[in-house]
Amino acid sequence: MAGESSDPLPAGNKLDLTASAAKSGESLTIIIDNTHEQDEKRKAARKAYQKLYRKSEKGKAIRRAYQNAYYKAYYKAFRDTHDLEQARFAGRQAAIPIRESYKAKK
């Protein structure tokens, strides 16, 4: 076939096709590698930001507020029903307004 290498699936399960849409004649292998590399960089940057945010005063305050609401509702529901699933659900429901208010502030 036109544009394919002689081996349709070379090592690493990458197709080495010539991209007809890309006018430069780069192979798709290079494009896939670049996209994967950029994705890994984005993931690393997001992880670093989340780590810094968790350690910041604002991050700690929001986390404490979320935990307080969750645990207060969780223990009250568990005390009343003795059902773990229902207690978890109550905790999540109680924490929704905190999560939503934070999203609205962003």
PDB file of N, CA and C in Angstrom:
ATOM      1  N   MET A   1       0.836  -1.183   0.000  1.00  0.00           N
ATOM      2  CA  MET A   1       0.000   0.000   0.000  1.00  0.00           C
ATOM      3  C   MET A   1       0.875   1.239   0.000  1.00  0.00           C
ATOM      4  N   ALA A   2       0.370   2.283  -0.580  1.00  0.00           N
ATOM      5  CA  ALA A   2       1.133   3.518  -0.655  1.00  0.00           C
ATOM      6  C   ALA A   2       1.188   4.172   0.720  1.00  0.00           C
ATOM      7  N   GLY A   3       2.357   4.586   1.149  1.00  0.00           N
ATOM      8  CA  GLY A   3       2.506   5.308   2.399  1.00  0.00           C
ATOM      9  C   GLY A   3       2.829   4.425   3.592  1.00  0.00           C
ATOM     10  N   GLU A   4       2.730   3.108   3.480  1.00  0.00           N
ATOM     11  CA  GLU A   4       3.034   2.241   4.598  1.00  0.00           C
ATOM     12  C   GLU A   4       4.443   1.685   4.468  1.00  0.00           C
ATOM     13  N   SER A   5       5.018   1.339   5.600  1.00  0.00           N
ATOM     14  CA  SER A   5       6.317   0.680   5.557  1.00  0.00           C
ATOM     15  C   SER A   5       6.089  -0.775   5.170  1.00  0.00           C
ATOM     16  N   SER A   6       7.159  -1.497   4.910  1.00  0.00           N
ATOM     17  CA  SER A   6       7.031  -2.889   4.498  1.00  0.00           C
ATOM     18  C   SER A   6       6.469  -3.751   5.624  1.00  0.00           C
ATOM     19  N   ASP A   7       6.766  -3.419   6.878  1.00  0.00           N
ATOM     20  CA  ASP A   7       6.249  -4.155   8.019  1.00  0.00           C
ATOM     21  C   ASP A   7       5.081  -3.355   8.605  1.00  0.00           C
ATOM     22  N   PRO A   8       3.846  -3.860   8.532  1.00  0.00           N
ATOM     23  CA  PRO A   8       2.708  -3.066   8.980  1.00  0.00           C
ATOM     24  C   PRO A   8       2.704  -2.782  10.484  1.00  0.00           C
ATOM     25  N   LEU A   9       3.279  -3.642  11.308  1.00  0.00           N
ATOM     26  CA  LEU A   9       3.344  -3.396  12.741  1.00  0.00           C
ATOM     27  C   LEU A   9       4.769  -3.595  13.230  1.00  0.00           C
ATOM     28  N   PRO A  10       5.613  -2.563  13.116  1.00  0.00           N
ATOM     29  CA  PRO A  10       6.970  -2.693  13.612  1.00  0.00           C
ATOM     30  C   PRO A  10       6.985  -2.787  15.135  1.00  0.00           C
ATOM     31  N   ALA A  11       8.161  -2.961  15.707  1.00  0.00           N
ATOM     32  CA  ALA A  11       8.306  -3.123  17.152  1.00  0.00           C
ATOM     33  C   ALA A  11       7.631  -1.979  17.883  1.00  0.00           C
ATOM     34  N   GLY A  12       6.963  -2.287  18.977  1.00  0.00           N
ATOM     35  CA  GLY A  12       6.297  -1.280  19.775  1.00  0.00           C
ATOM     36  C   GLY A  12       4.882  -0.997  19.301  1.00  0.00           C
ATOM     37  N   ASN A  13       4.372  -1.766  18.372  1.00  0.00           N
ATOM     38  CA  ASN A  13       3.015  -1.616  17.848  1.00  0.00           C
ATOM     39  C   ASN A  13       2.738  -0.219  17.321  1.00  0.00           C
ATOM     40  N   LYS A  14       3.702   0.392  16.680  1.00  0.00           N
ATOM     41  CA  LYS A  14       3.520   1.710  16.080  1.00  0.00           C
ATOM     42  C   LYS A  14       3.436   1.541  14.577  1.00  0.00           C
ATOM     43  N   LEU A  15       2.498   2.218  13.997  1.00  0.00           N
ATOM     44  CA  LEU A  15       2.406   2.207  12.553  1.00  0.00           C
ATOM     45  C   LEU A  15       3.286   3.326  12.015  1.00  0.00           C
ATOM     46  N   ASP A  16       4.105   3.017  11.056  1.00  0.00           N
ATOM     47  CA  ASP A  16       4.986   4.020  10.479  1.00  0.00           C
ATOM     48  C   ASP A  16       4.411   4.430   9.133  1.00  0.00           C
ATOM     49  N   LEU A  17       3.369   5.248   9.184  1.00  0.00           N
ATOM     50  CA  LEU A  17       2.689   5.703   7.979  1.00  0.00           C
ATOM     51  C   LEU A  17       3.127   7.122   7.658  1.00  0.00           C
ATOM     52  N   THR A  18       3.161   7.446   6.399  1.00  0.00           N
ATOM     53  CA  THR A  18       3.437   8.811   6.010  1.00  0.00           C
ATOM     54  C   THR A  18       2.126   9.568   6.066  1.00  0.00           C
ATOM     55  N   ALA A  19       2.093  10.622   6.796  1.00  0.00           N
ATOM     56  CA  ALA A  19       0.860  11.377   6.975  1.00  0.00           C
ATOM     57  C   ALA A  19       0.580  12.192   5.732  1.00  0.00           C
ATOM     58  N   SER A  20      -0.460  11.818   5.019  1.00  0.00           N
ATOM     59  CA  SER A  20      -0.805  12.561   3.807  1.00  0.00           C
ATOM     60  C   SER A  20      -1.374  13.930   4.161  1.00  0.00           C
ATOM     61  N   ALA A  21      -2.021  14.037   5.338  1.00  0.00           N
ATOM     62  CA  ALA A  21      -2.585  15.320   5.749  1.00  0.00           C
ATOM     63  C   ALA A  21      -1.478  16.295   6.141  1.00  0.00           C
ATOM     64  N   ALA A  22      -0.409  15.765   6.718  1.00  0.00           N
ATOM     65  CA  ALA A  22       0.710  16.619   7.092  1.00  0.00           C
ATOM     66  C   ALA A  22       1.557  16.839   5.843  1.00  0.00           C
ATOM     67  N   LYS A  23       1.593  18.045   5.344  1.00  0.00           N
ATOM     68  CA  LYS A  23       2.287  18.364   4.087  1.00  0.00           C
ATOM     69  C   LYS A  23       3.794  18.190   4.196  1.00  0.00           C
ATOM     70  N   SER A  24       4.317  18.173   5.413  1.00  0.00           N
ATOM     71  CA  SER A  24       5.761  18.100   5.575  1.00  0.00           C
ATOM     72  C   SER A  24       6.314  16.705   5.316  1.00  0.00           C
ATOM     73  N   GLY A  25       5.460  15.691   5.284  1.00  0.00           N
ATOM     74  CA  GLY A  25       5.927  14.335   5.039  1.00  0.00           C
ATOM     75  C   GLY A  25       6.431  13.632   6.281  1.00  0.00           C
ATOM     76  N   GLU A  26       6.137  14.169   7.476  1.00  0.00           N
ATOM     77  CA  GLU A  26       6.539  13.501   8.706  1.00  0.00           C
ATOM     78  C   GLU A  26       5.758  12.206   8.832  1.00  0.00           C
ATOM     79  N   SER A  27       6.348  11.243   9.486  1.00  0.00           N
ATOM     80  CA  SER A  27       5.621   9.993   9.688  1.00  0.00           C
ATOM     81  C   SER A  27       4.721  10.132  10.912  1.00  0.00           C
ATOM     82  N   LEU A  28       3.687   9.317  10.974  1.00  0.00           N
ATOM     83  CA  LEU A  28       2.776   9.345  12.110  1.00  0.00           C
ATOM     84  C   LEU A  28       3.465   8.917  13.388  1.00  0.00           C
ATOM     85  N   THR A  29       4.501   8.117  13.287  1.00  0.00           N
ATOM     86  CA  THR A  29       5.232   7.687  14.465  1.00  0.00           C
ATOM     87  C   THR A  29       5.786   8.886  15.216  1.00  0.00           C
ATOM     88  N   ILE A  30       6.321   9.833  14.501  1.00  0.00           N
ATOM     89  CA  ILE A  30       6.870  11.038  15.119  1.00  0.00           C
ATOM     90  C   ILE A  30       5.752  11.856  15.743  1.00  0.00           C
ATOM     91  N   ILE A  31       4.643  11.982  15.047  1.00  0.00           N
ATOM     92  CA  ILE A  31       3.519  12.752  15.564  1.00  0.00           C
ATOM     93  C   ILE A  31       2.968  12.105  16.830  1.00  0.00           C
ATOM     94  N   ILE A  32       2.834  10.781  16.823  1.00  0.00           N
ATOM     95  CA  ILE A  32       2.335  10.072  17.999  1.00  0.00           C
ATOM     96  C   ILE A  32       3.302  10.236  19.159  1.00  0.00           C
ATOM     97  N   ASP A  33       4.601  10.121  18.900  1.00  0.00           N
ATOM     98  CA  ASP A  33       5.595  10.288  19.958  1.00  0.00           C
ATOM     99  C   ASP A  33       5.539  11.688  20.548  1.00  0.00           C
ATOM    100  N   ASN A  34       5.410  12.716  19.705  1.00  0.00           N
ATOM    101  CA  ASN A  34       5.340  14.088  20.197  1.00  0.00           C
ATOM    102  C   ASN A  34       4.089  14.310  21.020  1.00  0.00           C
ATOM    103  N   THR A  35       2.958  13.767  20.579  1.00  0.00           N
ATOM    104  CA  THR A  35       1.709  13.910  21.319  1.00  0.00           C
ATOM    105  C   THR A  35       1.817  13.224  22.675  1.00  0.00           C
ATOM    106  N   HIS A  36       2.390  12.048  22.699  1.00  0.00           N
ATOM    107  CA  HIS A  36       2.560  11.314  23.960  1.00  0.00           C
ATOM    108  C   HIS A  36       3.477  12.085  24.911  1.00  0.00           C
ATOM    109  N   GLU A  37       4.540  12.641  24.357  1.00  0.00           N
ATOM    110  CA  GLU A  37       5.485  13.415  25.175  1.00  0.00           C
ATOM    111  C   GLU A  37       4.803  14.645  25.773  1.00  0.00           C
ATOM    112  N   GLN A  38       3.992  15.345  24.967  1.00  0.00           N
ATOM    113  CA  GLN A  38       3.275  16.525  25.460  1.00  0.00           C
ATOM    114  C   GLN A  38       2.262  16.132  26.531  1.00  0.00           C
ATOM    115  N   ASP A  39       1.591  14.995  26.345  1.00  0.00           N
ATOM    116  CA  ASP A  39       0.626  14.520  27.320  1.00  0.00           C
ATOM    117  C   ASP A  39       1.315  14.219  28.648  1.00  0.00           C
ATOM    118  N   GLU A  40       2.469  13.584  28.595  1.00  0.00           N
ATOM    119  CA  GLU A  40       3.219  13.287  29.810  1.00  0.00           C
ATOM    120  C   GLU A  40       3.658  14.576  30.521  1.00  0.00           C
ATOM    121  N   LYS A  41       4.052  15.587  29.758  1.00  0.00           N
ATOM    122  CA  LYS A  41       4.455  16.867  30.347  1.00  0.00           C
ATOM    123  C   LYS A  41       3.268  17.527  31.040  1.00  0.00           C
ATOM    124  N   ARG A  42       2.084  17.475  30.387  1.00  0.00           N
ATOM    125  CA  ARG A  42       0.876  18.052  30.988  1.00  0.00           C
ATOM    126  C   ARG A  42       0.516  17.335  32.286  1.00  0.00           C
ATOM    127  N   LYS A  43       0.602  16.013  32.283  1.00  0.00           N
ATOM    128  CA  LYS A  43       0.292  15.242  33.481  1.00  0.00           C
ATOM    129  C   LYS A  43       1.250  15.608  34.617  1.00  0.00           C
ATOM    130  N   ALA A  44       2.525  15.721  34.299  1.00  0.00           N
ATOM    131  CA  ALA A  44       3.526  16.057  35.319  1.00  0.00           C
ATOM    132  C   ALA A  44       3.280  17.458  35.870  1.00  0.00           C
ATOM    133  N   ALA A  45       2.928  18.399  34.998  1.00  0.00           N
ATOM    134  CA  ALA A  45       2.668  19.760  35.441  1.00  0.00           C
ATOM    135  C   ALA A  45       1.426  19.808  36.331  1.00  0.00           C
ATOM    136  N   ARG A  46       0.374  19.080  35.950  1.00  0.00           N
ATOM    137  CA  ARG A  46      -0.853  19.044  36.739  1.00  0.00           C
ATOM    138  C   ARG A  46      -0.587  18.434  38.108  1.00  0.00           C
ATOM    139  N   LYS A  47       0.197  17.371  38.141  1.00  0.00           N
ATOM    140  CA  LYS A  47       0.509  16.704  39.400  1.00  0.00           C
ATOM    141  C   LYS A  47       1.318  17.635  40.318  1.00  0.00           C
ATOM    142  N   ALA A  48       2.272  18.353  39.746  1.00  0.00           N
ATOM    143  CA  ALA A  48       3.076  19.292  40.530  1.00  0.00           C
ATOM    144  C   ALA A  48       2.207  20.420  41.086  1.00  0.00           C
ATOM    145  N   TYR A  49       1.282  20.925  40.249  1.00  0.00           N
ATOM    146  CA  TYR A  49       0.385  22.000  40.705  1.00  0.00           C
ATOM    147  C   TYR A  49      -0.501  21.496  41.837  1.00  0.00           C
ATOM    148  N   GLN A  50      -1.068  20.305  41.701  1.00  0.00           N
ATOM    149  CA  GLN A  50      -1.933  19.762  42.741  1.00  0.00           C
ATOM    150  C   GLN A  50      -1.177  19.567  44.052  1.00  0.00           C
ATOM    151  N   LYS A  51       0.062  19.148  43.957  1.00  0.00           N
ATOM    152  CA  LYS A  51       0.876  18.942  45.150  1.00  0.00           C
ATOM    153  C   LYS A  51       1.128  20.277  45.862  1.00  0.00           C
ATOM    154  N   LEU A  52       1.464  21.303  45.082  1.00  0.00           N
ATOM    155  CA  LEU A  52       1.677  22.620  45.679  1.00  0.00           C
ATOM    156  C   LEU A  52       0.393  23.185  46.265  1.00  0.00           C
ATOM    157  N   TYR A  53      -0.732  22.981  45.566  1.00  0.00           N
ATOM    158  CA  TYR A  53      -2.005  23.507  46.035  1.00  0.00           C
ATOM    159  C   TYR A  53      -2.423  22.842  47.339  1.00  0.00           C
ATOM    160  N   ARG A  54      -2.229  21.521  47.441  1.00  0.00           N
ATOM    161  CA  ARG A  54      -2.581  20.802  48.661  1.00  0.00           C
ATOM    162  C   ARG A  54      -1.810  21.346  49.863  1.00  0.00           C
ATOM    163  N   LYS A  55      -0.575  21.791  49.625  1.00  0.00           N
ATOM    164  CA  LYS A  55       0.250  22.306  50.719  1.00  0.00           C
ATOM    165  C   LYS A  55      -0.025  23.771  51.028  1.00  0.00           C
ATOM    166  N   SER A  56      -0.733  24.476  50.126  1.00  0.00           N
ATOM    167  CA  SER A  56      -1.017  25.893  50.352  1.00  0.00           C
ATOM    168  C   SER A  56      -2.099  26.053  51.417  1.00  0.00           C
ATOM    169  N   GLU A  57      -2.188  27.251  51.989  1.00  0.00           N
ATOM    170  CA  GLU A  57      -3.181  27.521  53.026  1.00  0.00           C
ATOM    171  C   GLU A  57      -4.598  27.390  52.485  1.00  0.00           C
ATOM    172  N   LYS A  58      -4.827  27.881  51.290  1.00  0.00           N
ATOM    173  CA  LYS A  58      -6.154  27.800  50.684  1.00  0.00           C
ATOM    174  C   LYS A  58      -6.545  26.341  50.443  1.00  0.00           C
ATOM    175  N   GLY A  59      -5.623  25.560  49.926  1.00  0.00           N
ATOM    176  CA  GLY A  59      -5.888  24.148  49.690  1.00  0.00           C
ATOM    177  C   GLY A  59      -6.188  23.398  50.975  1.00  0.00           C
ATOM    178  N   LYS A  60      -5.434  23.707  52.024  1.00  0.00           N
ATOM    179  CA  LYS A  60      -5.658  23.054  53.314  1.00  0.00           C
ATOM    180  C   LYS A  60      -7.016  23.433  53.890  1.00  0.00           C
ATOM    181  N   ALA A  61      -7.399  24.699  53.747  1.00  0.00           N
ATOM    182  CA  ALA A  61      -8.678  25.169  54.285  1.00  0.00           C
ATOM    183  C   ALA A  61      -9.851  24.494  53.584  1.00  0.00           C
ATOM    184  N   ILE A  62      -9.783  24.400  52.270  1.00  0.00           N
ATOM    185  CA  ILE A  62     -10.867  23.773  51.518  1.00  0.00           C
ATOM    186  C   ILE A  62     -10.944  22.280  51.844  1.00  0.00           C
ATOM    187  N   ARG A  63      -9.806  21.663  51.956  1.00  0.00           N
ATOM    188  CA  ARG A  63      -9.795  20.227  52.291  1.00  0.00           C
ATOM    189  C   ARG A  63     -10.378  19.978  53.677  1.00  0.00           C
ATOM    190  N   ARG A  64     -10.023  20.832  54.654  1.00  0.00           N
ATOM    191  CA  ARG A  64     -10.576  20.697  56.006  1.00  0.00           C
ATOM    192  C   ARG A  64     -12.090  20.879  56.000  1.00  0.00           C
ATOM    193  N   ALA A  65     -12.566  21.879  55.251  1.00  0.00           N
ATOM    194  CA  ALA A  65     -14.005  22.126  55.175  1.00  0.00           C
ATOM    195  C   ALA A  65     -14.729  20.926  54.567  1.00  0.00           C
ATOM    196  N   TYR A  66     -14.155  20.384  53.511  1.00  0.00           N
ATOM    197  CA  TYR A  66     -14.735  19.205  52.852  1.00  0.00           C
ATOM    198  C   TYR A  66     -14.767  18.027  53.821  1.00  0.00           C
ATOM    199  N   GLN A  67     -13.644  17.783  54.484  1.00  0.00           N
ATOM    200  CA  GLN A  67     -13.557  16.644  55.408  1.00  0.00           C
ATOM    201  C   GLN A  67     -14.519  16.803  56.581  1.00  0.00           C
ATOM    202  N   ASN A  68     -14.619  18.024  57.120  1.00  0.00           N
ATOM    203  CA  ASN A  68     -15.518  18.241  58.246  1.00  0.00           C
ATOM    204  C   ASN A  68     -16.959  17.965  57.860  1.00  0.00           C
ATOM    205  N   ALA A  69     -17.373  18.466  56.708  1.00  0.00           N
ATOM    206  CA  ALA A  69     -18.748  18.238  56.256  1.00  0.00           C
ATOM    207  C   ALA A  69     -18.990  16.762  55.998  1.00  0.00           C
ATOM    208  N   TYR A  70     -18.030  16.109  55.349  1.00  0.00           N
ATOM    209  CA  TYR A  70     -18.174  14.692  55.021  1.00  0.00           C
ATOM    210  C   TYR A  70     -18.288  13.856  56.284  1.00  0.00           C
ATOM    211  N   TYR A  71     -17.341  14.023  57.197  1.00  0.00           N
ATOM    212  CA  TYR A  71     -17.311  13.174  58.387  1.00  0.00           C
ATOM    213  C   TYR A  71     -18.490  13.428  59.321  1.00  0.00           C
ATOM    214  N   LYS A  72     -18.902  14.671  59.425  1.00  0.00           N
ATOM    215  CA  LYS A  72     -20.046  14.991  60.279  1.00  0.00           C
ATOM    216  C   LYS A  72     -21.300  14.264  59.776  1.00  0.00           C
ATOM    217  N   ALA A  73     -21.561  14.352  58.474  1.00  0.00           N
ATOM    218  CA  ALA A  73     -22.726  13.681  57.900  1.00  0.00           C
ATOM    219  C   ALA A  73     -22.555  12.161  57.925  1.00  0.00           C
ATOM    220  N   TYR A  74     -21.336  11.697  57.653  1.00  0.00           N
ATOM    221  CA  TYR A  74     -21.065  10.257  57.638  1.00  0.00           C
ATOM    222  C   TYR A  74     -21.366   9.635  58.999  1.00  0.00           C
ATOM    223  N   TYR A  75     -20.806  10.215  60.059  1.00  0.00           N
ATOM    224  CA  TYR A  75     -20.991   9.633  61.380  1.00  0.00           C
ATOM    225  C   TYR A  75     -22.426   9.732  61.860  1.00  0.00           C
ATOM    226  N   LYS A  76     -23.097  10.824  61.534  1.00  0.00           N
ATOM    227  CA  LYS A  76     -24.501  10.962  61.928  1.00  0.00           C
ATOM    228  C   LYS A  76     -25.347   9.895  61.227  1.00  0.00           C
ATOM    229  N   ALA A  77     -25.140   9.705  59.919  1.00  0.00           N
ATOM    230  CA  ALA A  77     -25.904   8.705  59.178  1.00  0.00           C
ATOM    231  C   ALA A  77     -25.569   7.294  59.656  1.00  0.00           C
ATOM    232  N   PHE A  78     -24.293   7.039  59.925  1.00  0.00           N
ATOM    233  CA  PHE A  78     -23.903   5.706  60.390  1.00  0.00           C
ATOM    234  C   PHE A  78     -24.483   5.425  61.769  1.00  0.00           C
ATOM    235  N   ARG A  79     -24.474   6.433  62.619  1.00  0.00           N
ATOM    236  CA  ARG A  79     -25.035   6.270  63.969  1.00  0.00           C
ATOM    237  C   ARG A  79     -26.535   5.943  63.895  1.00  0.00           C
ATOM    238  N   ASP A  80     -27.238   6.599  62.964  1.00  0.00           N
ATOM    239  CA  ASP A  80     -28.684   6.407  62.863  1.00  0.00           C
ATOM    240  C   ASP A  80     -29.069   5.117  62.138  1.00  0.00           C
ATOM    241  N   THR A  81     -28.299   4.735  61.091  1.00  0.00           N
ATOM    242  CA  THR A  81     -28.715   3.610  60.246  1.00  0.00           C
ATOM    243  C   THR A  81     -27.844   2.363  60.388  1.00  0.00           C
ATOM    244  N   HIS A  82     -26.625   2.502  60.827  1.00  0.00           N
ATOM    245  CA  HIS A  82     -25.646   1.397  60.890  1.00  0.00           C
ATOM    246  C   HIS A  82     -25.421   0.773  59.512  1.00  0.00           C
ATOM    247  N   ASP A  83     -25.522   1.596  58.472  1.00  0.00           N
ATOM    248  CA  ASP A  83     -25.322   1.144  57.098  1.00  0.00           C
ATOM    249  C   ASP A  83     -24.167   1.943  56.494  1.00  0.00           C
ATOM    250  N   LEU A  84     -23.058   1.258  56.179  1.00  0.00           N
ATOM    251  CA  LEU A  84     -21.875   1.945  55.656  1.00  0.00           C
ATOM    252  C   LEU A  84     -22.152   2.628  54.326  1.00  0.00           C
ATOM    253  N   GLU A  85     -22.849   1.944  53.437  1.00  0.00           N
ATOM    254  CA  GLU A  85     -23.115   2.511  52.116  1.00  0.00           C
ATOM    255  C   GLU A  85     -23.940   3.789  52.222  1.00  0.00           C
ATOM    256  N   GLN A  86     -24.942   3.762  53.061  1.00  0.00           N
ATOM    257  CA  GLN A  86     -25.786   4.941  53.244  1.00  0.00           C
ATOM    258  C   GLN A  86     -24.995   6.072  53.917  1.00  0.00           C
ATOM    259  N   ALA A  87     -24.100   5.729  54.829  1.00  0.00           N
ATOM    260  CA  ALA A  87     -23.289   6.735  55.502  1.00  0.00           C
ATOM    261  C   ALA A  87     -22.324   7.399  54.519  1.00  0.00           C
ATOM    262  N   ARG A  88     -21.706   6.606  53.635  1.00  0.00           N
ATOM    263  CA  ARG A  88     -20.815   7.175  52.619  1.00  0.00           C
ATOM    264  C   ARG A  88     -21.569   8.108  51.692  1.00  0.00           C
ATOM    265  N   PHE A  89     -22.759   7.675  51.290  1.00  0.00           N
ATOM    266  CA  PHE A  89     -23.576   8.500  50.402  1.00  0.00           C
ATOM    267  C   PHE A  89     -23.936   9.825  51.092  1.00  0.00           C
ATOM    268  N   ALA A  90     -24.297   9.762  52.355  1.00  0.00           N
ATOM    269  CA  ALA A  90     -24.646  10.978  53.096  1.00  0.00           C
ATOM    270  C   ALA A  90     -23.435  11.909  53.202  1.00  0.00           C
ATOM    271  N   GLY A  91     -22.268  11.353  53.419  1.00  0.00           N
ATOM    272  CA  GLY A  91     -21.056  12.168  53.490  1.00  0.00           C
ATOM    273  C   GLY A  91     -20.764  12.862  52.180  1.00  0.00           C
ATOM    274  N   ARG A  92     -20.888  12.127  51.070  1.00  0.00           N
ATOM    275  CA  ARG A  92     -20.653  12.727  49.749  1.00  0.00           C
ATOM    276  C   ARG A  92     -21.666  13.821  49.453  1.00  0.00           C
ATOM    277  N   GLN A  93     -22.921  13.569  49.807  1.00  0.00           N
ATOM    278  CA  GLN A  93     -23.976  14.557  49.557  1.00  0.00           C
ATOM    279  C   GLN A  93     -23.722  15.820  50.378  1.00  0.00           C
ATOM    280  N   ALA A  94     -23.247  15.664  51.595  1.00  0.00           N
ATOM    281  CA  ALA A  94     -22.994  16.817  52.451  1.00  0.00           C
ATOM    282  C   ALA A  94     -21.824  17.648  51.946  1.00  0.00           C
ATOM    283  N   ALA A  95     -20.888  17.016  51.255  1.00  0.00           N
ATOM    284  CA  ALA A  95     -19.693  17.716  50.777  1.00  0.00           C
ATOM    285  C   ALA A  95     -19.906  18.378  49.416  1.00  0.00           C
ATOM    286  N   ILE A  96     -20.989  18.071  48.738  1.00  0.00           N
ATOM    287  CA  ILE A  96     -21.236  18.639  47.403  1.00  0.00           C
ATOM    288  C   ILE A  96     -21.283  20.170  47.428  1.00  0.00           C
ATOM    289  N   PRO A  97     -21.995  20.809  48.362  1.00  0.00           N
ATOM    290  CA  PRO A  97     -22.025  22.282  48.342  1.00  0.00           C
ATOM    291  C   PRO A  97     -20.644  22.931  48.472  1.00  0.00           C
ATOM    292  N   ILE A  98     -19.761  22.310  49.215  1.00  0.00           N
ATOM    293  CA  ILE A  98     -18.407  22.852  49.370  1.00  0.00           C
ATOM    294  C   ILE A  98     -17.663  22.753  48.051  1.00  0.00           C
ATOM    295  N   ARG A  99     -17.769  21.602  47.408  1.00  0.00           N
ATOM    296  CA  ARG A  99     -17.115  21.401  46.115  1.00  0.00           C
ATOM    297  C   ARG A  99     -17.675  22.370  45.072  1.00  0.00           C
ATOM    298  N   GLU A 100     -18.989  22.542  45.059  1.00  0.00           N
ATOM    299  CA  GLU A 100     -19.629  23.431  44.088  1.00  0.00           C
ATOM    300  C   GLU A 100     -19.261  24.896  44.335  1.00  0.00           C
ATOM    301  N   SER A 101     -19.199  25.300  45.586  1.00  0.00           N
ATOM    302  CA  SER A 101     -18.842  26.693  45.879  1.00  0.00           C
ATOM    303  C   SER A 101     -17.389  26.970  45.468  1.00  0.00           C
ATOM    304  N   TYR A 102     -16.536  25.981  45.636  1.00  0.00           N
ATOM    305  CA  TYR A 102     -15.140  26.151  45.204  1.00  0.00           C
ATOM    306  C   TYR A 102     -15.061  26.286  43.690  1.00  0.00           C
ATOM    307  N   LYS A 103     -15.829  25.456  42.972  1.00  0.00           N
ATOM    308  CA  LYS A 103     -15.836  25.532  41.507  1.00  0.00           C
ATOM    309  C   LYS A 103     -16.358  26.887  41.035  1.00  0.00           C
ATOM    310  N   ALA A 104     -17.359  27.417  41.738  1.00  0.00           N
ATOM    311  CA  ALA A 104     -17.929  28.712  41.358  1.00  0.00           C
ATOM    312  C   ALA A 104     -16.924  29.840  41.559  1.00  0.00           C
ATOM    313  N   LYS A 105     -16.060  29.716  42.561  1.00  0.00           N
ATOM    314  CA  LYS A 105     -15.048  30.732  42.822  1.00  0.00           C
ATOM    315  C   LYS A 105     -13.974  30.757  41.759  1.00  0.00           C
ATOM    316  N   LYS A 106     -13.700  29.588  41.175  1.00  0.00           N
ATOM    317  CA  LYS A 106     -12.666  29.504  40.137  1.00  0.00           C
ATOM    318  C   LYS A 106     -13.163  30.217  38.952  1.00  0.00           C
TER     319      LYS A 106
END
